[in-house]
PDB file of all heavy atoms in Angstrom:
ATOM      1  N   GLN A   1      68.940 -70.298 -27.069  1.00  0.00           N
ATOM      2  CA  GLN A   1      67.926 -71.156 -27.517  1.00  0.00           C
ATOM      3  C   GLN A   1      68.180 -71.607 -28.928  1.00  0.00           C
ATOM      4  O   GLN A   1      68.977 -71.016 -29.707  1.00  0.00           O
ATOM      5  CB  GLN A   1      66.569 -70.368 -27.579  1.00  0.00           C
ATOM      6  CG  GLN A   1      65.913 -70.232 -26.275  1.00  0.00           C
ATOM      7  CD  GLN A   1      64.540 -69.687 -26.339  1.00  0.00           C
ATOM      8  OE1 GLN A   1      64.354 -68.411 -26.386  1.00  0.00           O
ATOM      9  NE2 GLN A   1      63.486 -70.474 -26.418  1.00  0.00           N
ATOM     10  N   ALA A   2      67.563 -72.714 -29.307  1.00  0.00           N
ATOM     11  CA  ALA A   2      67.773 -73.261 -30.644  1.00  0.00           C
ATOM     12  C   ALA A   2      67.149 -72.276 -31.681  1.00  0.00           C
ATOM     13  O   ALA A   2      66.121 -71.716 -31.444  1.00  0.00           O
ATOM     14  CB  ALA A   2      67.047 -74.664 -30.760  1.00  0.00           C
ATOM     15  N   PRO A   3      67.795 -72.171 -32.847  1.00  0.00           N
ATOM     16  CA  PRO A   3      67.180 -71.387 -33.866  1.00  0.00           C
ATOM     17  C   PRO A   3      65.743 -71.886 -34.286  1.00  0.00           C
ATOM     18  O   PRO A   3      65.480 -73.052 -34.208  1.00  0.00           O
ATOM     19  CB  PRO A   3      68.170 -71.588 -35.097  1.00  0.00           C
ATOM     20  CG  PRO A   3      69.416 -72.039 -34.447  1.00  0.00           C
ATOM     21  CD  PRO A   3      68.989 -72.817 -33.262  1.00  0.00           C
ATOM     22  N   GLY A   4      64.916 -70.894 -34.605  1.00  0.00           N
ATOM     23  CA  GLY A   4      63.560 -71.197 -35.031  1.00  0.00           C
ATOM     24  C   GLY A   4      62.543 -71.313 -33.980  1.00  0.00           C
ATOM     25  O   GLY A   4      61.366 -71.477 -34.325  1.00  0.00           O
ATOM     26  N   VAL A   5      62.944 -71.249 -32.687  1.00  0.00           N
ATOM     27  CA  VAL A   5      61.964 -71.310 -31.629  1.00  0.00           C
ATOM     28  C   VAL A   5      62.042 -70.178 -30.678  1.00  0.00           C
ATOM     29  O   VAL A   5      61.361 -70.173 -29.698  1.00  0.00           O
ATOM     30  CB  VAL A   5      62.103 -72.682 -30.856  1.00  0.00           C
ATOM     31  CG1 VAL A   5      61.937 -73.844 -31.783  1.00  0.00           C
ATOM     32  CG2 VAL A   5      63.473 -72.731 -30.181  1.00  0.00           C
ATOM     33  N   ARG A   6      62.806 -69.213 -30.975  1.00  0.00           N
ATOM     34  CA  ARG A   6      62.919 -67.982 -30.106  1.00  0.00           C
ATOM     35  C   ARG A   6      61.690 -67.218 -30.113  1.00  0.00           C
ATOM     36  O   ARG A   6      61.068 -67.091 -31.144  1.00  0.00           O
ATOM     37  CB  ARG A   6      64.192 -67.244 -30.526  1.00  0.00           C
ATOM     38  CG  ARG A   6      65.574 -67.973 -30.377  1.00  0.00           C
ATOM     39  CD  ARG A   6      66.655 -67.199 -30.976  1.00  0.00           C
ATOM     40  NE  ARG A   6      67.932 -67.723 -30.744  1.00  0.00           N
ATOM     41  CZ  ARG A   6      68.783 -68.102 -31.759  1.00  0.00           C
ATOM     42  NH1 ARG A   6      68.443 -68.002 -32.979  1.00  0.00           N
ATOM     43  NH2 ARG A   6      69.945 -68.695 -31.371  1.00  0.00           N
ATOM     44  N   PRO A   7      61.321 -66.564 -28.966  1.00  0.00           N
ATOM     45  CA  PRO A   7      60.147 -65.780 -28.985  1.00  0.00           C
ATOM     46  C   PRO A   7      60.329 -64.458 -29.704  1.00  0.00           C
ATOM     47  O   PRO A   7      61.454 -63.975 -29.869  1.00  0.00           O
ATOM     48  CB  PRO A   7      59.971 -65.490 -27.464  1.00  0.00           C
ATOM     49  CG  PRO A   7      61.343 -65.587 -26.865  1.00  0.00           C
ATOM     50  CD  PRO A   7      62.035 -66.678 -27.651  1.00  0.00           C
ATOM     51  N   LEU A   8      59.227 -63.964 -30.281  1.00  0.00           N
ATOM     52  CA  LEU A   8      59.328 -62.640 -30.952  1.00  0.00           C
ATOM     53  C   LEU A   8      59.561 -61.548 -30.029  1.00  0.00           C
ATOM     54  O   LEU A   8      60.347 -60.667 -30.315  1.00  0.00           O
ATOM     55  CB  LEU A   8      58.028 -62.459 -31.812  1.00  0.00           C
ATOM     56  CG  LEU A   8      57.968 -61.111 -32.488  1.00  0.00           C
ATOM     57  CD1 LEU A   8      59.003 -60.858 -33.516  1.00  0.00           C
ATOM     58  CD2 LEU A   8      56.512 -60.925 -33.146  1.00  0.00           C
ATOM     59  N   ARG A   9      58.866 -61.552 -28.849  1.00  0.00           N
ATOM     60  CA  ARG A   9      59.029 -60.497 -27.874  1.00  0.00           C
ATOM     61  C   ARG A   9      59.312 -60.985 -26.485  1.00  0.00           C
ATOM     62  O   ARG A   9      58.712 -62.023 -26.126  1.00  0.00           O
ATOM     63  CB  ARG A   9      57.654 -59.644 -27.841  1.00  0.00           C
ATOM     64  CG  ARG A   9      57.510 -58.718 -29.115  1.00  0.00           C
ATOM     65  CD  ARG A   9      56.184 -57.872 -28.968  1.00  0.00           C
ATOM     66  NE  ARG A   9      56.235 -56.898 -29.991  1.00  0.00           N
ATOM     67  CZ  ARG A   9      55.658 -57.120 -31.248  1.00  0.00           C
ATOM     68  NH1 ARG A   9      55.087 -58.234 -31.484  1.00  0.00           N
ATOM     69  NH2 ARG A   9      55.668 -56.072 -32.135  1.00  0.00           N
ATOM     70  N   VAL A  10      60.211 -60.348 -25.762  1.00  0.00           N
ATOM     71  CA  VAL A  10      60.528 -60.688 -24.370  1.00  0.00           C
ATOM     72  C   VAL A  10      60.399 -59.414 -23.529  1.00  0.00           C
ATOM     73  O   VAL A  10      61.353 -58.612 -23.560  1.00  0.00           O
ATOM     74  CB  VAL A  10      61.933 -61.231 -24.337  1.00  0.00           C
ATOM     75  CG1 VAL A  10      62.278 -61.654 -22.821  1.00  0.00           C
ATOM     76  CG2 VAL A  10      62.011 -62.520 -25.182  1.00  0.00           C
ATOM     77  N   PRO A  11      59.367 -59.261 -22.793  1.00  0.00           N
ATOM     78  CA  PRO A  11      59.268 -58.239 -21.766  1.00  0.00           C
ATOM     79  C   PRO A  11      60.250 -58.508 -20.621  1.00  0.00           C
ATOM     80  O   PRO A  11      60.283 -59.608 -20.171  1.00  0.00           O
ATOM     81  CB  PRO A  11      57.804 -58.244 -21.272  1.00  0.00           C
ATOM     82  CG  PRO A  11      57.070 -59.048 -22.362  1.00  0.00           C
ATOM     83  CD  PRO A  11      58.074 -60.047 -22.807  1.00  0.00           C
ATOM     84  N   VAL A  12      60.993 -57.505 -20.141  1.00  0.00           N
ATOM     85  CA  VAL A  12      61.924 -57.749 -19.069  1.00  0.00           C
ATOM     86  C   VAL A  12      61.770 -56.705 -18.030  1.00  0.00           C
ATOM     87  O   VAL A  12      61.956 -55.532 -18.299  1.00  0.00           O
ATOM     88  CB  VAL A  12      63.377 -57.740 -19.686  1.00  0.00           C
ATOM     89  CG1 VAL A  12      64.391 -58.058 -18.543  1.00  0.00           C
ATOM     90  CG2 VAL A  12      63.593 -58.653 -20.848  1.00  0.00           C
ATOM     91  N   HIS A  13      61.412 -57.085 -16.840  1.00  0.00           N
ATOM     92  CA  HIS A  13      61.328 -56.218 -15.648  1.00  0.00           C
ATOM     93  C   HIS A  13      60.798 -57.042 -14.517  1.00  0.00           C
ATOM     94  O   HIS A  13      59.875 -57.883 -14.716  1.00  0.00           O
ATOM     95  CB  HIS A  13      60.440 -54.989 -15.940  1.00  0.00           C
ATOM     96  CG  HIS A  13      60.645 -53.804 -15.002  1.00  0.00           C
ATOM     97  ND1 HIS A  13      59.882 -53.704 -13.813  1.00  0.00           N
ATOM     98  CD2 HIS A  13      61.523 -52.852 -14.953  1.00  0.00           C
ATOM     99  CE1 HIS A  13      60.316 -52.606 -13.198  1.00  0.00           C
ATOM    100  NE2 HIS A  13      61.325 -52.137 -13.834  1.00  0.00           N
ATOM    101  N   PRO A  14      61.272 -56.755 -13.329  1.00  0.00           N
ATOM    102  CA  PRO A  14      60.684 -57.563 -12.153  1.00  0.00           C
ATOM    103  C   PRO A  14      59.334 -57.053 -11.715  1.00  0.00           C
ATOM    104  O   PRO A  14      58.648 -57.643 -10.981  1.00  0.00           O
ATOM    105  CB  PRO A  14      61.802 -57.313 -11.065  1.00  0.00           C
ATOM    106  CG  PRO A  14      62.403 -55.985 -11.421  1.00  0.00           C
ATOM    107  CD  PRO A  14      62.428 -55.963 -12.890  1.00  0.00           C
ATOM    108  N   GLY A  15      59.005 -55.847 -12.190  1.00  0.00           N
ATOM    109  CA  GLY A  15      57.751 -55.247 -11.779  1.00  0.00           C
ATOM    110  C   GLY A  15      56.677 -55.506 -12.881  1.00  0.00           C
ATOM    111  O   GLY A  15      56.709 -56.451 -13.659  1.00  0.00           O
ATOM    112  N   GLY A  16      55.707 -54.494 -12.998  1.00  0.00           N
ATOM    113  CA  GLY A  16      54.688 -54.598 -14.005  1.00  0.00           C
ATOM    114  C   GLY A  16      55.154 -54.546 -15.431  1.00  0.00           C
ATOM    115  O   GLY A  16      56.133 -53.798 -15.761  1.00  0.00           O
ATOM    116  N   LYS A  17      54.556 -55.358 -16.246  1.00  0.00           N
ATOM    117  CA  LYS A  17      54.836 -55.340 -17.669  1.00  0.00           C
ATOM    118  C   LYS A  17      53.534 -55.185 -18.464  1.00  0.00           C
ATOM    119  O   LYS A  17      52.890 -56.108 -18.941  1.00  0.00           O
ATOM    120  CB  LYS A  17      55.477 -56.731 -18.014  1.00  0.00           C
ATOM    121  CG  LYS A  17      56.872 -56.809 -17.406  1.00  0.00           C
ATOM    122  CD  LYS A  17      57.579 -58.187 -17.624  1.00  0.00           C
ATOM    123  CE  LYS A  17      57.000 -59.227 -16.691  1.00  0.00           C
ATOM    124  NZ  LYS A  17      57.425 -59.035 -15.303  1.00  0.00           N
ATOM    125  N   PRO A  18      53.111 -53.954 -18.540  1.00  0.00           N
ATOM    126  CA  PRO A  18      51.766 -53.680 -19.180  1.00  0.00           C
ATOM    127  C   PRO A  18      51.618 -54.083 -20.615  1.00  0.00           C
ATOM    128  O   PRO A  18      50.509 -54.220 -21.060  1.00  0.00           O
ATOM    129  CB  PRO A  18      51.574 -52.164 -19.004  1.00  0.00           C
ATOM    130  CG  PRO A  18      52.973 -51.599 -18.929  1.00  0.00           C
ATOM    131  CD  PRO A  18      53.770 -52.666 -18.190  1.00  0.00           C
ATOM    132  N   GLN A  19      52.718 -54.340 -21.338  1.00  0.00           N
ATOM    133  CA  GLN A  19      52.673 -54.627 -22.712  1.00  0.00           C
ATOM    134  C   GLN A  19      52.319 -56.135 -22.969  1.00  0.00           C
ATOM    135  O   GLN A  19      52.061 -56.470 -24.157  1.00  0.00           O
ATOM    136  CB  GLN A  19      54.006 -54.348 -23.392  1.00  0.00           C
ATOM    137  CG  GLN A  19      55.199 -55.213 -23.059  1.00  0.00           C
ATOM    138  CD  GLN A  19      55.969 -54.761 -21.842  1.00  0.00           C
ATOM    139  OE1 GLN A  19      55.398 -54.287 -20.845  1.00  0.00           O
ATOM    140  NE2 GLN A  19      57.282 -54.852 -21.863  1.00  0.00           N
ATOM    141  N   ILE A  20      52.363 -56.946 -21.912  1.00  0.00           N
ATOM    142  CA  ILE A  20      52.108 -58.391 -22.174  1.00  0.00           C
ATOM    143  C   ILE A  20      50.706 -58.614 -22.808  1.00  0.00           C
ATOM    144  O   ILE A  20      50.668 -59.406 -23.786  1.00  0.00           O
ATOM    145  CB  ILE A  20      52.257 -59.117 -20.857  1.00  0.00           C
ATOM    146  CG1 ILE A  20      53.711 -59.264 -20.474  1.00  0.00           C
ATOM    147  CG2 ILE A  20      51.643 -60.559 -21.039  1.00  0.00           C
ATOM    148  CD1 ILE A  20      53.975 -60.016 -19.121  1.00  0.00           C
ATOM    149  N   ALA A  21      49.711 -57.958 -22.357  1.00  0.00           N
ATOM    150  CA  ALA A  21      48.405 -58.123 -22.907  1.00  0.00           C
ATOM    151  C   ALA A  21      48.276 -57.665 -24.384  1.00  0.00           C
ATOM    152  O   ALA A  21      47.654 -58.328 -25.228  1.00  0.00           O
ATOM    153  CB  ALA A  21      47.397 -57.388 -22.059  1.00  0.00           C
ATOM    154  N   ILE A  22      49.004 -56.526 -24.634  1.00  0.00           N
ATOM    155  CA  ILE A  22      49.046 -56.052 -26.018  1.00  0.00           C
ATOM    156  C   ILE A  22      49.803 -57.032 -26.908  1.00  0.00           C
ATOM    157  O   ILE A  22      49.350 -57.312 -28.062  1.00  0.00           O
ATOM    158  CB  ILE A  22      49.714 -54.664 -26.071  1.00  0.00           C
ATOM    159  CG1 ILE A  22      48.841 -53.635 -25.261  1.00  0.00           C
ATOM    160  CG2 ILE A  22      49.927 -54.196 -27.476  1.00  0.00           C
ATOM    161  CD1 ILE A  22      49.518 -52.313 -25.076  1.00  0.00           C
ATOM    162  N   ASN A  23      50.899 -57.552 -26.444  1.00  0.00           N
ATOM    163  CA  ASN A  23      51.685 -58.482 -27.259  1.00  0.00           C
ATOM    164  C   ASN A  23      50.866 -59.728 -27.628  1.00  0.00           C
ATOM    165  O   ASN A  23      50.861 -60.206 -28.772  1.00  0.00           O
ATOM    166  CB  ASN A  23      52.939 -58.917 -26.551  1.00  0.00           C
ATOM    167  CG  ASN A  23      53.916 -57.798 -26.310  1.00  0.00           C
ATOM    168  OD1 ASN A  23      53.811 -56.759 -27.016  1.00  0.00           O
ATOM    169  ND2 ASN A  23      54.874 -58.002 -25.503  1.00  0.00           N
ATOM    170  N   ALA A  24      50.094 -60.273 -26.651  1.00  0.00           N
ATOM    171  CA  ALA A  24      49.325 -61.431 -26.844  1.00  0.00           C
ATOM    172  C   ALA A  24      48.202 -61.115 -27.896  1.00  0.00           C
ATOM    173  O   ALA A  24      47.894 -61.890 -28.764  1.00  0.00           O
ATOM    174  CB  ALA A  24      48.761 -62.008 -25.587  1.00  0.00           C
ATOM    175  N   LEU A  25      47.588 -59.994 -27.702  1.00  0.00           N
ATOM    176  CA  LEU A  25      46.428 -59.684 -28.577  1.00  0.00           C
ATOM    177  C   LEU A  25      46.904 -59.365 -30.048  1.00  0.00           C
ATOM    178  O   LEU A  25      46.292 -59.932 -31.014  1.00  0.00           O
ATOM    179  CB  LEU A  25      45.774 -58.423 -28.115  1.00  0.00           C
ATOM    180  CG  LEU A  25      44.652 -57.826 -28.977  1.00  0.00           C
ATOM    181  CD1 LEU A  25      43.492 -58.883 -29.087  1.00  0.00           C
ATOM    182  CD2 LEU A  25      44.082 -56.532 -28.405  1.00  0.00           C
ATOM    183  N   THR A  26      47.986 -58.680 -30.224  1.00  0.00           N
ATOM    184  CA  THR A  26      48.393 -58.431 -31.605  1.00  0.00           C
ATOM    185  C   THR A  26      49.006 -59.692 -32.245  1.00  0.00           C
ATOM    186  O   THR A  26      48.773 -59.866 -33.437  1.00  0.00           O
ATOM    187  CB  THR A  26      49.549 -57.369 -31.538  1.00  0.00           C
ATOM    188  OG1 THR A  26      50.657 -57.775 -30.846  1.00  0.00           O
ATOM    189  CG2 THR A  26      49.042 -56.017 -31.036  1.00  0.00           C
ATOM    190  N   ALA A  27      49.529 -60.626 -31.493  1.00  0.00           N
ATOM    191  CA  ALA A  27      49.959 -61.837 -32.071  1.00  0.00           C
ATOM    192  C   ALA A  27      48.782 -62.645 -32.606  1.00  0.00           C
ATOM    193  O   ALA A  27      48.785 -63.185 -33.678  1.00  0.00           O
ATOM    194  CB  ALA A  27      50.714 -62.727 -31.026  1.00  0.00           C
ATOM    195  N   GLN A  28      47.671 -62.714 -31.757  1.00  0.00           N
ATOM    196  CA  GLN A  28      46.529 -63.354 -32.223  1.00  0.00           C
ATOM    197  C   GLN A  28      45.866 -62.711 -33.429  1.00  0.00           C
ATOM    198  O   GLN A  28      45.421 -63.334 -34.368  1.00  0.00           O
ATOM    199  CB  GLN A  28      45.491 -63.366 -31.106  1.00  0.00           C
ATOM    200  CG  GLN A  28      44.215 -64.266 -31.356  1.00  0.00           C
ATOM    201  CD  GLN A  28      44.664 -65.740 -31.550  1.00  0.00           C
ATOM    202  OE1 GLN A  28      45.260 -66.307 -30.753  1.00  0.00           O
ATOM    203  NE2 GLN A  28      44.266 -66.247 -32.750  1.00  0.00           N
ATOM    204  N   VAL A  29      45.836 -61.312 -33.445  1.00  0.00           N
ATOM    205  CA  VAL A  29      45.347 -60.623 -34.617  1.00  0.00           C
ATOM    206  C   VAL A  29      46.104 -60.971 -35.861  1.00  0.00           C
ATOM    207  O   VAL A  29      45.595 -61.181 -36.997  1.00  0.00           O
ATOM    208  CB  VAL A  29      45.321 -59.110 -34.288  1.00  0.00           C
ATOM    209  CG1 VAL A  29      45.107 -58.328 -35.625  1.00  0.00           C
ATOM    210  CG2 VAL A  29      44.317 -58.771 -33.256  1.00  0.00           C
TER     211      VAL A  29
END
């Protein structure tokens, strides 16, 4: 990816990724 636009966090797994909701909430906070 181009510099400056890369995501802060990338969850990786084909199954459940329970941290997605936490990541979104803490970013908003």
